[in-house]
């Protein structure tokens, strides 16, 4: 489902995810073409009102991975050794899009100026988890799509 639909189902979790992901370096996990090994790539997610996007170079291995196997996991790390503001995980499937309206939406919401050559992926959400740490003790809040 879209980020906007996820927001309607779990608004507090979505707000925490937006705070932790939007415009910040996060890590995208994809699977290699052979399916034998995961890869982790630094990315800067873009959250518009309704959608979660990623731009990337046309020759990026992460883009090729997503074209073959659209499953992804996206994670932002903690801010410090004490767990900072916590960590947020989201997973689902990615769809490459060439829709000009979606591209304009992503560019308008980006925290940087995406190059014209960049390809755009729209990330659909199937699961999300926020893990916070209070005095070193982890606390998790999770949501999962009923269609997963």
Foldseek 3Di string as FASTA:
>chain_A
DFLLVVCVVPVVLSVLVCVQAAQDWKWKWFAALVRPDIDIDTFRWFDFNIFIKTWDAPPDRRVVRLVRPFKMKIKGAAPDPQQHSFMKMWIDGKDWDPPPVVVVRRCVRHPDHDDPRITMITGDTAKMKTWGGDRRDIDIDMDGDPVD
